[in-house]
Amino acid sequence: MKIIKSVLKEELANSLAMKKNYEKELAKLPKGSLIKKNVKGHEYYYLVVREKGKVKFTYKGKEVCDKEIQKYKQAKEYRAKYRKLLSQVKKQIKFLRSTLRGKQSV
């Protein structure tokens, strides 16, 4: 039983480290998302950011370089990926902690 507990403790430590890394990677990504709006037949680009629970649109211009568009597109994909991984690791941490307390059979 001691061996199983030590393995579970090690796995918990690994999961906590993974959680910290995912949160750090999420913080590195640029905030917001780049969208294109069509106003009276003209296309305009806006950066959409959530601040203090409110959605804020910042005008970027009629034309935005492909590099910036790609940067925000890639950031959106990475954000979704890291949020999913973070959610999974949080569930795993919750399970491991409850198991180590003895509330769940191994």
Protein backbone atom coordinates (compact mmCIF):
# COMPACT_ATOMS: atom_id res chain seq x y z
CA MET A 1 0.00 0.00 0.00
CA LYS A 2 2.90 2.35 0.75
CA ILE A 3 4.27 1.84 -2.77
CA ILE A 4 0.96 2.80 -4.33
CA LYS A 5 0.74 5.93 -2.16
CA SER A 6 4.26 6.99 -3.12
CA VAL A 7 3.43 6.51 -6.82
CA LEU A 8 0.26 8.56 -6.39
CA LYS A 9 2.20 11.33 -4.61
CA GLU A 10 4.74 11.38 -7.41
CA GLU A 11 1.97 11.55 -10.01
CA LEU A 12 0.34 14.40 -8.07
CA ALA A 13 3.63 16.32 -8.06
CA ASN A 14 3.98 15.76 -11.82
CA SER A 15 0.40 16.90 -12.41
CA LEU A 16 0.92 20.07 -10.36
CA ALA A 17 4.06 20.85 -12.38
CA MET A 18 2.15 20.28 -15.63
CA LYS A 19 -0.63 22.60 -14.41
CA LYS A 20 1.90 25.32 -13.65
CA ASN A 21 3.51 24.92 -17.10
CA TYR A 22 0.15 25.09 -18.91
CA GLU A 23 -0.80 28.25 -17.02
CA LYS A 24 2.58 29.80 -17.87
CA GLU A 25 2.15 28.97 -21.57
CA LEU A 26 -1.37 30.43 -21.56
CA ALA A 27 -0.04 33.66 -20.03
CA LYS A 28 2.55 33.98 -22.84
CA LEU A 29 -0.10 34.02 -25.57
CA PRO A 30 -1.35 37.38 -26.87
CA LYS A 31 -4.64 38.47 -25.36
CA GLY A 32 -7.76 38.57 -27.46
CA SER A 33 -8.79 37.53 -30.92
CA LEU A 34 -8.62 39.31 -34.27
CA ILE A 35 -11.94 39.58 -36.11
CA LYS A 36 -13.06 41.10 -39.38
CA LYS A 37 -16.27 43.17 -39.40
CA ASN A 38 -18.19 44.24 -42.45
CA VAL A 39 -19.52 47.79 -41.97
CA LYS A 40 -21.49 49.34 -44.86
CA GLY A 41 -19.74 47.13 -47.39
CA HIS A 42 -16.22 47.80 -46.08
CA GLU A 43 -14.11 45.35 -44.08
CA TYR A 44 -12.41 46.46 -40.88
CA TYR A 45 -10.25 44.53 -38.41
CA TYR A 46 -10.76 44.66 -34.66
CA LEU A 47 -8.99 43.11 -31.71
CA VAL A 48 -11.53 41.66 -29.27
CA VAL A 49 -10.41 41.41 -25.64
CA ARG A 50 -12.35 40.60 -22.48
CA GLU A 51 -11.48 43.00 -19.64
CA LYS A 52 -13.12 42.79 -16.23
CA GLY A 53 -15.99 40.73 -17.62
CA LYS A 54 -16.69 43.11 -20.52
CA VAL A 55 -15.86 42.65 -24.19
CA LYS A 56 -13.74 45.45 -25.63
CA PHE A 57 -13.20 46.05 -29.38
CA THR A 58 -10.05 47.88 -30.47
CA TYR A 59 -9.87 49.13 -34.06
CA LYS A 60 -6.83 47.76 -35.92
CA GLY A 61 -7.46 49.22 -39.38
CA LYS A 62 -8.75 48.32 -42.83
CA GLU A 63 -5.74 46.17 -43.60
CA VAL A 64 -3.78 43.95 -41.25
CA CYS A 65 -0.66 42.09 -42.35
CA ASP A 66 -0.91 38.34 -42.84
CA LYS A 67 1.73 37.80 -40.16
CA GLU A 68 -0.46 39.41 -37.48
CA ILE A 69 -3.56 37.55 -38.66
CA GLN A 70 -1.64 34.27 -38.47
CA LYS A 71 -0.27 35.16 -35.01
CA TYR A 72 -3.75 35.61 -33.55
CA LYS A 73 -5.13 32.56 -35.36
CA GLN A 74 -2.34 30.40 -33.97
CA ALA A 75 -2.76 31.92 -30.49
CA LYS A 76 -6.47 31.01 -30.59
CA GLU A 77 -5.62 27.39 -31.44
CA TYR A 78 -2.95 27.15 -28.74
CA ARG A 79 -5.28 28.76 -26.18
CA ALA A 80 -7.95 26.14 -26.86
CA LYS A 81 -5.37 23.35 -26.65
CA TYR A 82 -3.86 24.54 -23.37
CA ARG A 83 -7.27 25.19 -21.79
CA LYS A 84 -8.32 21.63 -22.60
CA LEU A 85 -5.09 20.19 -21.20
CA LEU A 86 -5.41 22.40 -18.11
CA SER A 87 -8.95 21.18 -17.53
CA GLN A 88 -7.83 17.54 -17.78
CA VAL A 89 -4.89 18.00 -15.42
CA LYS A 90 -7.09 19.80 -12.87
CA LYS A 91 -9.49 16.82 -12.86
CA GLN A 92 -6.53 14.50 -12.43
CA ILE A 93 -5.19 16.57 -9.51
CA LYS A 94 -8.60 16.52 -7.84
CA PHE A 95 -8.82 12.74 -8.25
CA LEU A 96 -5.28 12.16 -6.92
CA ARG A 97 -5.80 14.38 -3.89
CA SER A 98 -9.06 12.67 -2.97
CA THR A 99 -7.46 9.25 -3.47
CA LEU A 100 -4.52 10.14 -1.24
CA ARG A 101 -6.98 11.24 1.46
CA GLY A 102 -8.54 7.79 1.28
CA LYS A 103 -11.95 8.77 -0.05
CA GLN A 104 -11.61 6.61 -3.16
CA SER A 105 -10.46 3.02 -3.60
CA VAL A 106 -7.34 2.46 -5.69
